[in-house]
Amino acid sequence: MSKSDKSDKKEIHFEKEMRTSEVITYLEALISSLKEGKIVIEQGGQFVSLKPSGMIDFEMEARQKSDKEKLSLEFSWCGKSIETEPEPVKISSEEPASDDSEQSDD
């Protein structure tokens, strides 16, 4: 890797506590941009232009600990196909029925 390759790196980091409605606005803009095939993230005078193509590696982690909950999402791509197929994940606002409610009536 040449020195010029390292200087071509663009990165924007954004972290802020905000209302749920504000987070939804960011996520909707992300979804819309992803559908268009180009995601442009701007902050101050800087911007990063991303063009997802081919297979996208999607990683999701959800955690609960005492009174703190966390959801992390990560998307990455590089043009290569990803051949592993993990078990599908369902995203909804409904909790699954407990095993107790699925018992049969004998």
C-alpha atoms as a PDB file:
ATOM      1  CA  MET A   1       0.000   0.000   0.000  1.00  0.00           C
ATOM      2  CA  SER A   2       1.449   3.358  -0.949  1.00  0.00           C
ATOM      3  CA  LYS A   3       1.379   6.468   1.201  1.00  0.00           C
ATOM      4  CA  SER A   4      -1.221   8.051  -1.079  1.00  0.00           C
ATOM      5  CA  ASP A   5      -3.610   5.126  -0.390  1.00  0.00           C
ATOM      6  CA  LYS A   6      -3.579   5.964   3.315  1.00  0.00           C
ATOM      7  CA  SER A   7      -4.200   9.661   2.690  1.00  0.00           C
ATOM      8  CA  ASP A   8      -7.268   8.812   0.578  1.00  0.00           C
ATOM      9  CA  LYS A   9      -9.048   7.486   3.669  1.00  0.00           C
ATOM     10  CA  LYS A  10     -12.141   9.494   4.599  1.00  0.00           C
ATOM     11  CA  GLU A  11     -13.950   8.961   7.867  1.00  0.00           C
ATOM     12  CA  ILE A  12     -16.761  10.649   9.772  1.00  0.00           C
ATOM     13  CA  HIS A  13     -17.657   9.674  13.321  1.00  0.00           C
ATOM     14  CA  PHE A  14     -20.946  10.847  14.789  1.00  0.00           C
ATOM     15  CA  GLU A  15     -22.253  10.099  18.260  1.00  0.00           C
ATOM     16  CA  LYS A  16     -25.022  11.997  20.015  1.00  0.00           C
ATOM     17  CA  GLU A  17     -27.802  11.333  22.496  1.00  0.00           C
ATOM     18  CA  MET A  18     -31.101  12.201  20.797  1.00  0.00           C
ATOM     19  CA  ARG A  19     -34.828  11.526  20.800  1.00  0.00           C
ATOM     20  CA  THR A  20     -36.166   8.367  19.177  1.00  0.00           C
ATOM     21  CA  SER A  21     -37.862  10.456  16.464  1.00  0.00           C
ATOM     22  CA  GLU A  22     -34.484  11.967  15.487  1.00  0.00           C
ATOM     23  CA  VAL A  23     -32.885   8.519  15.262  1.00  0.00           C
ATOM     24  CA  ILE A  24     -35.769   7.371  13.049  1.00  0.00           C
ATOM     25  CA  THR A  25     -35.143  10.339  10.725  1.00  0.00           C
ATOM     26  CA  TYR A  26     -31.467   9.324  10.349  1.00  0.00           C
ATOM     27  CA  LEU A  27     -32.401   5.672   9.760  1.00  0.00           C
ATOM     28  CA  GLU A  28     -35.022   6.610   7.149  1.00  0.00           C
ATOM     29  CA  ALA A  29     -32.432   8.748   5.310  1.00  0.00           C
ATOM     30  CA  LEU A  30     -29.998   5.826   5.449  1.00  0.00           C
ATOM     31  CA  ILE A  31     -32.607   3.409   4.050  1.00  0.00           C
ATOM     32  CA  SER A  32     -33.548   5.835   1.277  1.00  0.00           C
ATOM     33  CA  SER A  33     -29.900   6.370   0.312  1.00  0.00           C
ATOM     34  CA  LEU A  34     -29.209   2.625   0.404  1.00  0.00           C
ATOM     35  CA  LYS A  35     -32.134   2.057  -1.972  1.00  0.00           C
ATOM     36  CA  GLU A  36     -30.681   4.718  -4.305  1.00  0.00           C
ATOM     37  CA  GLY A  37     -27.311   2.941  -4.290  1.00  0.00           C
ATOM     38  CA  LYS A  38     -25.300   5.815  -2.827  1.00  0.00           C
ATOM     39  CA  ILE A  39     -24.921   6.979   0.769  1.00  0.00           C
ATOM     40  CA  VAL A  40     -23.364  10.400   1.376  1.00  0.00           C
ATOM     41  CA  ILE A  41     -22.557  11.282   4.988  1.00  0.00           C
ATOM     42  CA  GLU A  42     -21.772  14.973   5.593  1.00  0.00           C
ATOM     43  CA  GLN A  43     -20.519  16.728   8.721  1.00  0.00           C
ATOM     44  CA  GLY A  44     -19.150  20.239   8.729  1.00  0.00           C
ATOM     45  CA  GLY A  45     -17.151  20.672   5.531  1.00  0.00           C
ATOM     46  CA  GLN A  46     -16.332  16.947   5.305  1.00  0.00           C
ATOM     47  CA  PHE A  47     -18.212  14.194   3.496  1.00  0.00           C
ATOM     48  CA  VAL A  48     -17.875  10.483   2.771  1.00  0.00           C
ATOM     49  CA  SER A  49     -19.577   9.039  -0.304  1.00  0.00           C
ATOM     50  CA  LEU A  50     -20.296   5.292  -0.123  1.00  0.00           C
ATOM     51  CA  LYS A  51     -21.562   3.128  -2.992  1.00  0.00           C
ATOM     52  CA  PRO A  52     -22.733  -0.240  -1.675  1.00  0.00           C
ATOM     53  CA  SER A  53     -22.671  -2.913  -4.348  1.00  0.00           C
ATOM     54  CA  GLY A  54     -22.853  -6.672  -4.617  1.00  0.00           C
ATOM     55  CA  MET A  55     -23.279  -8.545  -1.380  1.00  0.00           C
ATOM     56  CA  ILE A  56     -23.381  -6.498   1.826  1.00  0.00           C
ATOM     57  CA  ASP A  57     -22.102  -7.981   5.070  1.00  0.00           C
ATOM     58  CA  PHE A  58     -24.746  -7.030   7.649  1.00  0.00           C
ATOM     59  CA  GLU A  59     -23.933  -7.442  11.326  1.00  0.00           C
ATOM     60  CA  MET A  60     -26.386  -6.802  14.156  1.00  0.00           C
ATOM     61  CA  GLU A  61     -25.888  -7.088  17.902  1.00  0.00           C
ATOM     62  CA  ALA A  62     -28.572  -6.507  20.540  1.00  0.00           C
ATOM     63  CA  ARG A  63     -27.807  -6.425  24.288  1.00  0.00           C
ATOM     64  CA  GLN A  64     -29.672  -5.909  27.543  1.00  0.00           C
ATOM     65  CA  LYS A  65     -27.886  -5.369  30.839  1.00  0.00           C
ATOM     66  CA  SER A  66     -29.719  -4.065  33.902  1.00  0.00           C
ATOM     67  CA  ASP A  67     -31.248  -0.744  32.821  1.00  0.00           C
ATOM     68  CA  LYS A  68     -29.092  -0.295  29.690  1.00  0.00           C
ATOM     69  CA  GLU A  69     -29.959  -1.607  26.235  1.00  0.00           C
ATOM     70  CA  LYS A  70     -27.865  -1.426  23.085  1.00  0.00           C
ATOM     71  CA  LEU A  71     -28.390  -2.129  19.395  1.00  0.00           C
ATOM     72  CA  SER A  72     -25.393  -2.017  17.065  1.00  0.00           C
ATOM     73  CA  LEU A  73     -25.634  -2.235  13.279  1.00  0.00           C
ATOM     74  CA  GLU A  74     -22.713  -2.585  10.899  1.00  0.00           C
ATOM     75  CA  PHE A  75     -22.722  -2.763   7.116  1.00  0.00           C
ATOM     76  CA  SER A  76     -19.635  -3.482   5.032  1.00  0.00           C
ATOM     77  CA  TRP A  77     -18.897  -4.472   1.452  1.00  0.00           C
ATOM     78  CA  CYS A  78     -15.970  -4.867  -0.862  1.00  0.00           C
ATOM     79  CA  GLY A  79     -17.411  -6.470  -3.983  1.00  0.00           C
ATOM     80  CA  LYS A  80     -16.762 -10.088  -2.906  1.00  0.00           C
ATOM     81  CA  SER A  81     -19.596 -12.545  -2.343  1.00  0.00           C
ATOM     82  CA  ILE A  82     -20.153 -13.804   1.166  1.00  0.00           C
ATOM     83  CA  GLU A  83     -20.884 -17.524   1.062  1.00  0.00           C
ATOM     84  CA  THR A  84     -21.850 -18.218   4.680  1.00  0.00           C
ATOM     85  CA  GLU A  85     -25.586 -18.180   5.368  1.00  0.00           C
ATOM     86  CA  PRO A  86     -26.455 -17.682   9.069  1.00  0.00           C
ATOM     87  CA  GLU A  87     -29.919 -18.316  10.468  1.00  0.00           C
ATOM     88  CA  PRO A  88     -32.285 -15.467   9.445  1.00  0.00           C
ATOM     89  CA  VAL A  89     -33.114 -12.790  12.021  1.00  0.00           C
ATOM     90  CA  LYS A  90     -36.596 -11.307  12.429  1.00  0.00           C
ATOM     91  CA  ILE A  91     -36.946  -7.624  13.384  1.00  0.00           C
ATOM     92  CA  SER A  92     -40.279  -6.490  14.844  1.00  0.00           C
ATOM     93  CA  SER A  93     -41.836  -4.671  17.781  1.00  0.00           C
ATOM     94  CA  GLU A  94     -43.467  -7.854  19.131  1.00  0.00           C
ATOM     95  CA  GLU A  95     -41.830 -10.243  21.597  1.00  0.00           C
ATOM     96  CA  PRO A  96     -42.157 -13.934  20.700  1.00  0.00           C
ATOM     97  CA  ALA A  97     -44.676 -16.046  22.581  1.00  0.00           C
ATOM     98  CA  SER A  98     -43.172 -17.842  25.566  1.00  0.00           C
ATOM     99  CA  ASP A  99     -42.798 -21.636  25.526  1.00  0.00           C
ATOM    100  CA  ASP A 100     -45.508 -21.857  28.224  1.00  0.00           C
ATOM    101  CA  SER A 101     -48.164 -20.498  25.852  1.00  0.00           C
ATOM    102  CA  GLU A 102     -47.244 -23.053  23.168  1.00  0.00           C
ATOM    103  CA  GLN A 103     -48.080 -26.132  25.279  1.00  0.00           C
ATOM    104  CA  SER A 104     -50.748 -28.384  23.811  1.00  0.00           C
ATOM    105  CA  ASP A 105     -54.044 -29.108  25.584  1.00  0.00           C
ATOM    106  CA  ASP A 106     -54.106 -32.804  26.610  1.00  0.00           C
END
